[in-house]
Amino acid sequence: QIQLVESGGGLVQAGGSLNLSCVISESIFMVNSMGWFRQAPGKQRELVAIMTTEGRVKYGDSVKDRFTISRGNAENMVYLEMKNMKSEDTGTYYCAYGRISAVDEGLPEDMNFWGKGTLVTVSG
């Protein structure tokens, strides 16, 4: 069973910063996409950022210029640096893994495996 485990969520002040990390137990695709999606209560799950093994990146419009995604050298880790956080960033952040083509549209339904999520709350 492939597992993804997120860490780093918590409470942060508006305008502050928070970093998330995710580790995957194993990879089944030679090339792949790993990324972050978030979901607020009553809202659809949406793209935060996704990155391929070759370094292609796609960001959700609402986080461009504030968040940065990166992949670990071992390619079993993915990170998210969040800066200048806003109240609308509040939600559960999920790490996800899929085929490399998932980066094209950044759709949640294109991801194959998901972590349980980590809660991020922005106070303001």
N, C-alpha and C. Protein backbone atom coordinates (compact mmCIF):
# COMPACT_ATOMS: atom_id res chain seq x y z
N GLN A 1 0.85 -1.18 0.00
CA GLN A 1 0.00 0.00 0.00
C GLN A 1 0.89 1.24 0.00
N ILE A 2 0.71 2.08 -1.00
CA ILE A 2 1.45 3.34 -1.06
C ILE A 2 0.84 4.31 -0.06
N GLN A 3 1.71 4.94 0.72
CA GLN A 3 1.27 5.90 1.72
C GLN A 3 2.00 7.22 1.54
N LEU A 4 1.28 8.30 1.74
CA LEU A 4 1.85 9.63 1.77
C LEU A 4 1.51 10.24 3.11
N VAL A 5 2.50 10.86 3.73
CA VAL A 5 2.32 11.44 5.05
C VAL A 5 2.77 12.88 5.03
N GLU A 6 1.84 13.78 5.37
CA GLU A 6 2.13 15.20 5.43
C GLU A 6 2.51 15.60 6.84
N SER A 7 3.27 16.67 6.94
CA SER A 7 3.60 17.23 8.23
C SER A 7 3.83 18.73 8.08
N GLY A 8 3.69 19.44 9.17
CA GLY A 8 3.98 20.87 9.19
C GLY A 8 2.79 21.79 9.32
N GLY A 9 1.59 21.24 9.29
CA GLY A 9 0.42 22.08 9.44
C GLY A 9 0.30 22.65 10.83
N GLY A 10 -0.52 23.67 10.95
CA GLY A 10 -0.72 24.30 12.24
C GLY A 10 -1.35 25.66 12.11
N LEU A 11 -1.24 26.42 13.17
CA LEU A 11 -1.81 27.76 13.23
C LEU A 11 -0.75 28.80 12.90
N VAL A 12 -1.10 29.73 12.04
CA VAL A 12 -0.18 30.79 11.64
C VAL A 12 -0.94 32.10 11.52
N GLN A 13 -0.28 33.19 11.83
CA GLN A 13 -0.90 34.50 11.70
C GLN A 13 -0.96 34.93 10.24
N ALA A 14 -1.97 35.70 9.91
CA ALA A 14 -2.03 36.30 8.58
C ALA A 14 -0.76 37.10 8.33
N GLY A 15 -0.20 36.93 7.15
CA GLY A 15 1.06 37.56 6.81
C GLY A 15 2.27 36.74 7.17
N GLY A 16 2.07 35.67 7.92
CA GLY A 16 3.17 34.82 8.34
C GLY A 16 3.50 33.74 7.33
N SER A 17 4.37 32.84 7.74
CA SER A 17 4.86 31.78 6.87
C SER A 17 4.72 30.43 7.54
N LEU A 18 4.62 29.40 6.71
CA LEU A 18 4.52 28.03 7.19
C LEU A 18 5.05 27.10 6.11
N ASN A 19 5.75 26.06 6.52
CA ASN A 19 6.31 25.10 5.58
C ASN A 19 5.70 23.72 5.81
N LEU A 20 5.35 23.05 4.73
CA LEU A 20 4.81 21.72 4.77
C LEU A 20 5.77 20.75 4.10
N SER A 21 5.74 19.50 4.53
CA SER A 21 6.52 18.47 3.88
C SER A 21 5.69 17.20 3.74
N CYS A 22 6.07 16.37 2.80
CA CYS A 22 5.37 15.13 2.54
C CYS A 22 6.37 14.08 2.10
N VAL A 23 6.21 12.88 2.61
CA VAL A 23 7.03 11.76 2.20
C VAL A 23 6.13 10.65 1.67
N ILE A 24 6.56 10.02 0.58
CA ILE A 24 5.83 8.90 0.01
C ILE A 24 6.61 7.62 0.28
N SER A 25 5.89 6.56 0.60
CA SER A 25 6.53 5.31 0.99
C SER A 25 7.26 4.65 -0.17
N GLU A 26 6.75 4.80 -1.38
CA GLU A 26 7.36 4.22 -2.56
C GLU A 26 6.80 4.89 -3.80
N SER A 27 7.52 4.77 -4.91
CA SER A 27 7.08 5.32 -6.18
C SER A 27 6.87 4.19 -7.17
N ILE A 28 5.75 4.23 -7.88
CA ILE A 28 5.44 3.19 -8.86
C ILE A 28 5.53 3.69 -10.29
N PHE A 29 5.74 4.98 -10.48
CA PHE A 29 5.88 5.55 -11.82
C PHE A 29 7.31 6.02 -12.03
N MET A 30 7.88 5.72 -13.19
CA MET A 30 9.25 6.14 -13.49
C MET A 30 9.38 7.65 -13.43
N VAL A 31 8.43 8.33 -14.02
CA VAL A 31 8.34 9.78 -13.91
C VAL A 31 6.97 10.09 -13.34
N ASN A 32 6.87 11.15 -12.58
CA ASN A 32 5.64 11.36 -11.85
C ASN A 32 5.45 12.82 -11.49
N SER A 33 4.28 13.10 -10.95
CA SER A 33 3.97 14.40 -10.39
C SER A 33 3.64 14.23 -8.92
N MET A 34 4.13 15.13 -8.11
CA MET A 34 3.73 15.22 -6.72
C MET A 34 3.31 16.65 -6.45
N GLY A 35 2.31 16.79 -5.62
CA GLY A 35 1.84 18.14 -5.37
C GLY A 35 0.97 18.27 -4.15
N TRP A 36 0.46 19.48 -4.01
CA TRP A 36 -0.37 19.85 -2.88
C TRP A 36 -1.71 20.37 -3.35
N PHE A 37 -2.76 19.91 -2.71
CA PHE A 37 -4.11 20.39 -2.93
C PHE A 37 -4.69 20.76 -1.58
N ARG A 38 -5.66 21.64 -1.58
CA ARG A 38 -6.27 22.04 -0.33
C ARG A 38 -7.78 22.06 -0.46
N GLN A 39 -8.43 21.95 0.68
CA GLN A 39 -9.88 21.96 0.70
C GLN A 39 -10.36 22.64 1.97
N ALA A 40 -11.18 23.66 1.78
CA ALA A 40 -11.82 24.34 2.88
C ALA A 40 -13.23 23.78 3.05
N PRO A 41 -13.80 23.87 4.25
CA PRO A 41 -15.15 23.36 4.46
C PRO A 41 -16.15 23.95 3.48
N GLY A 42 -16.93 23.08 2.85
CA GLY A 42 -17.94 23.53 1.91
C GLY A 42 -17.43 23.89 0.53
N LYS A 43 -16.13 23.71 0.30
CA LYS A 43 -15.55 24.06 -0.99
C LYS A 43 -14.94 22.83 -1.66
N GLN A 44 -14.72 22.94 -2.96
CA GLN A 44 -14.09 21.89 -3.72
C GLN A 44 -12.59 21.85 -3.45
N ARG A 45 -12.04 20.67 -3.57
CA ARG A 45 -10.60 20.55 -3.46
C ARG A 45 -9.94 21.24 -4.65
N GLU A 46 -8.90 22.02 -4.39
CA GLU A 46 -8.28 22.81 -5.43
C GLU A 46 -6.76 22.66 -5.43
N LEU A 47 -6.19 22.91 -6.59
CA LEU A 47 -4.74 22.84 -6.74
C LEU A 47 -4.06 23.95 -5.95
N VAL A 48 -3.01 23.59 -5.24
CA VAL A 48 -2.09 24.56 -4.67
C VAL A 48 -0.84 24.63 -5.54
N ALA A 49 -0.18 23.50 -5.70
CA ALA A 49 1.01 23.43 -6.54
C ALA A 49 1.31 21.98 -6.87
N ILE A 50 1.88 21.75 -8.04
CA ILE A 50 2.26 20.40 -8.46
C ILE A 50 3.56 20.48 -9.24
N MET A 51 4.39 19.47 -9.09
CA MET A 51 5.71 19.48 -9.70
C MET A 51 6.08 18.09 -10.18
N THR A 52 6.68 18.01 -11.37
CA THR A 52 7.11 16.73 -11.92
C THR A 52 8.54 16.43 -11.53
N THR A 53 8.95 15.19 -11.80
CA THR A 53 10.33 14.79 -11.56
C THR A 53 11.31 15.59 -12.41
N GLU A 54 10.86 16.11 -13.55
CA GLU A 54 11.72 16.91 -14.42
C GLU A 54 11.71 18.39 -14.07
N GLY A 55 10.87 18.79 -13.10
CA GLY A 55 10.88 20.16 -12.65
C GLY A 55 9.79 21.05 -13.21
N ARG A 56 8.87 20.52 -13.98
CA ARG A 56 7.73 21.32 -14.43
C ARG A 56 6.81 21.60 -13.26
N VAL A 57 6.31 22.80 -13.19
CA VAL A 57 5.51 23.25 -12.05
C VAL A 57 4.25 23.95 -12.52
N LYS A 58 3.18 23.75 -11.79
CA LYS A 58 1.94 24.48 -12.01
C LYS A 58 1.40 24.90 -10.65
N TYR A 59 1.02 26.17 -10.54
CA TYR A 59 0.46 26.71 -9.31
C TYR A 59 -0.99 27.11 -9.49
N GLY A 60 -1.73 26.99 -8.40
CA GLY A 60 -3.05 27.56 -8.39
C GLY A 60 -2.95 29.08 -8.44
N ASP A 61 -3.91 29.70 -9.11
CA ASP A 61 -3.84 31.15 -9.31
C ASP A 61 -3.77 31.92 -7.99
N SER A 62 -4.44 31.45 -6.98
CA SER A 62 -4.53 32.19 -5.73
C SER A 62 -3.25 32.15 -4.90
N VAL A 63 -2.31 31.29 -5.24
CA VAL A 63 -1.09 31.16 -4.44
C VAL A 63 0.17 31.57 -5.20
N LYS A 64 0.03 31.93 -6.45
CA LYS A 64 1.19 32.34 -7.23
C LYS A 64 1.88 33.53 -6.56
N ASP A 65 3.20 33.50 -6.55
CA ASP A 65 4.05 34.54 -5.98
C ASP A 65 4.09 34.51 -4.46
N ARG A 66 3.37 33.59 -3.84
CA ARG A 66 3.40 33.46 -2.39
C ARG A 66 3.90 32.10 -1.93
N PHE A 67 3.55 31.05 -2.67
CA PHE A 67 3.93 29.69 -2.30
C PHE A 67 4.97 29.15 -3.27
N THR A 68 5.82 28.26 -2.77
CA THR A 68 6.84 27.63 -3.59
C THR A 68 6.88 26.14 -3.31
N ILE A 69 6.82 25.34 -4.38
CA ILE A 69 6.91 23.90 -4.24
C ILE A 69 8.31 23.44 -4.63
N SER A 70 8.78 22.38 -3.99
CA SER A 70 10.07 21.81 -4.33
C SER A 70 10.04 20.31 -4.08
N ARG A 71 10.94 19.60 -4.77
CA ARG A 71 11.06 18.16 -4.62
C ARG A 71 12.41 17.83 -4.02
N GLY A 72 12.45 16.80 -3.18
CA GLY A 72 13.70 16.36 -2.59
C GLY A 72 14.57 15.63 -3.59
N ASN A 73 15.86 15.57 -3.30
CA ASN A 73 16.79 14.90 -4.21
C ASN A 73 16.49 13.42 -4.37
N ALA A 74 15.99 12.79 -3.33
CA ALA A 74 15.64 11.38 -3.38
C ALA A 74 14.33 11.13 -4.11
N GLU A 75 13.59 12.19 -4.43
CA GLU A 75 12.34 12.14 -5.17
C GLU A 75 11.24 11.39 -4.44
N ASN A 76 11.40 11.22 -3.15
CA ASN A 76 10.33 10.68 -2.34
C ASN A 76 9.75 11.73 -1.39
N MET A 77 10.20 12.97 -1.56
CA MET A 77 9.76 14.07 -0.72
C MET A 77 9.25 15.22 -1.57
N VAL A 78 8.29 15.93 -1.05
CA VAL A 78 7.84 17.16 -1.67
C VAL A 78 7.57 18.17 -0.56
N TYR A 79 7.87 19.43 -0.85
CA TYR A 79 7.77 20.49 0.15
C TYR A 79 6.92 21.63 -0.38
N LEU A 80 6.39 22.39 0.54
CA LEU A 80 5.65 23.58 0.19
C LEU A 80 6.02 24.70 1.15
N GLU A 81 6.55 25.78 0.62
CA GLU A 81 6.86 26.96 1.39
C GLU A 81 5.73 27.98 1.17
N MET A 82 5.09 28.37 2.24
CA MET A 82 3.97 29.29 2.15
C MET A 82 4.34 30.59 2.85
N LYS A 83 4.21 31.69 2.14
CA LYS A 83 4.53 33.01 2.67
C LYS A 83 3.37 33.96 2.49
N ASN A 84 3.39 35.03 3.29
CA ASN A 84 2.33 36.04 3.23
C ASN A 84 0.96 35.38 3.25
N MET A 85 0.73 34.54 4.22
CA MET A 85 -0.48 33.76 4.25
C MET A 85 -1.70 34.62 4.56
N LYS A 86 -2.81 34.22 3.97
CA LYS A 86 -4.06 34.94 4.08
C LYS A 86 -5.12 34.03 4.68
N SER A 87 -6.18 34.63 5.18
CA SER A 87 -7.23 33.84 5.81
C SER A 87 -7.82 32.82 4.83
N GLU A 88 -7.88 33.16 3.57
CA GLU A 88 -8.43 32.24 2.58
C GLU A 88 -7.53 31.04 2.30
N ASP A 89 -6.33 31.03 2.86
CA ASP A 89 -5.45 29.87 2.75
C ASP A 89 -5.81 28.78 3.75
N THR A 90 -6.69 29.07 4.67
CA THR A 90 -7.10 28.10 5.67
C THR A 90 -7.76 26.89 5.02
N GLY A 91 -7.38 25.70 5.46
CA GLY A 91 -7.97 24.48 4.94
C GLY A 91 -7.10 23.29 5.26
N THR A 92 -7.55 22.15 4.81
CA THR A 92 -6.77 20.93 4.94
C THR A 92 -5.93 20.77 3.68
N TYR A 93 -4.64 20.62 3.87
CA TYR A 93 -3.71 20.50 2.76
C TYR A 93 -3.33 19.04 2.58
N TYR A 94 -3.52 18.56 1.36
CA TYR A 94 -3.28 17.16 1.03
C TYR A 94 -2.09 17.03 0.09
N CYS A 95 -1.22 16.10 0.38
CA CYS A 95 -0.16 15.71 -0.52
C CYS A 95 -0.70 14.64 -1.46
N ALA A 96 -0.33 14.71 -2.73
CA ALA A 96 -0.85 13.77 -3.71
C ALA A 96 0.23 13.36 -4.71
N TYR A 97 0.04 12.20 -5.29
CA TYR A 97 1.00 11.59 -6.22
C TYR A 97 0.26 11.05 -7.42
N GLY A 98 0.84 11.24 -8.60
CA GLY A 98 0.21 10.75 -9.81
C GLY A 98 1.18 10.66 -10.97
N ARG A 99 0.65 10.35 -12.12
CA ARG A 99 1.46 10.28 -13.33
C ARG A 99 1.94 11.66 -13.72
N ILE A 100 3.00 11.70 -14.49
CA ILE A 100 3.62 12.96 -14.85
C ILE A 100 2.64 13.89 -15.59
N SER A 101 1.70 13.32 -16.33
CA SER A 101 0.75 14.13 -17.08
C SER A 101 -0.20 14.91 -16.19
N ALA A 102 -0.26 14.58 -14.91
CA ALA A 102 -1.15 15.30 -14.01
C ALA A 102 -0.80 16.78 -13.91
N VAL A 103 0.42 17.14 -14.22
CA VAL A 103 0.83 18.53 -14.14
C VAL A 103 0.16 19.39 -15.21
N ASP A 104 -0.32 18.77 -16.28
CA ASP A 104 -0.86 19.53 -17.40
C ASP A 104 -2.05 20.39 -17.00
N GLU A 105 -2.97 19.81 -16.22
CA GLU A 105 -4.15 20.53 -15.80
C GLU A 105 -4.21 20.76 -14.30
N GLY A 106 -3.48 19.97 -13.54
CA GLY A 106 -3.49 20.11 -12.09
C GLY A 106 -4.83 19.80 -11.46
N LEU A 107 -5.51 18.79 -11.97
CA LEU A 107 -6.83 18.42 -11.49
C LEU A 107 -6.72 17.37 -10.39
N PRO A 108 -7.48 17.52 -9.31
CA PRO A 108 -7.44 16.50 -8.26
C PRO A 108 -7.75 15.10 -8.76
N GLU A 109 -8.67 14.99 -9.73
CA GLU A 109 -9.05 13.68 -10.24
C GLU A 109 -7.96 12.99 -11.03
N ASP A 110 -6.90 13.70 -11.37
CA ASP A 110 -5.78 13.10 -12.08
C ASP A 110 -4.73 12.51 -11.14
N MET A 111 -4.88 12.73 -9.86
CA MET A 111 -3.94 12.20 -8.89
C MET A 111 -4.38 10.81 -8.45
N ASN A 112 -3.42 9.93 -8.22
CA ASN A 112 -3.71 8.53 -7.94
C ASN A 112 -3.67 8.16 -6.46
N PHE A 113 -2.84 8.85 -5.70
CA PHE A 113 -2.69 8.52 -4.29
C PHE A 113 -2.66 9.80 -3.47
N TRP A 114 -3.23 9.70 -2.28
CA TRP A 114 -3.40 10.86 -1.43
C TRP A 114 -2.97 10.59 0.00
N GLY A 115 -2.44 11.62 0.63
CA GLY A 115 -2.22 11.58 2.05
C GLY A 115 -3.50 11.90 2.80
N LYS A 116 -3.44 11.79 4.11
CA LYS A 116 -4.61 12.06 4.94
C LYS A 116 -4.87 13.55 5.15
N GLY A 117 -3.88 14.36 4.89
CA GLY A 117 -4.03 15.79 5.00
C GLY A 117 -3.49 16.35 6.31
N THR A 118 -3.14 17.61 6.28
CA THR A 118 -2.70 18.33 7.46
C THR A 118 -3.42 19.68 7.49
N LEU A 119 -3.93 20.04 8.66
CA LEU A 119 -4.75 21.24 8.78
C LEU A 119 -3.89 22.48 8.91
N VAL A 120 -4.21 23.48 8.11
CA VAL A 120 -3.56 24.78 8.17
C VAL A 120 -4.62 25.82 8.50
N THR A 121 -4.40 26.56 9.56
CA THR A 121 -5.33 27.60 9.98
C THR A 121 -4.61 28.93 10.04
N VAL A 122 -5.14 29.91 9.34
CA VAL A 122 -4.57 31.25 9.32
C VAL A 122 -5.47 32.17 10.12
N SER A 123 -4.93 32.77 11.15
CA SER A 123 -5.67 33.69 11.99
C SER A 123 -5.39 35.12 11.54
N GLY A 124 -6.41 35.94 11.60
CA GLY A 124 -6.23 37.30 11.17
C GLY A 124 -7.21 38.25 11.80
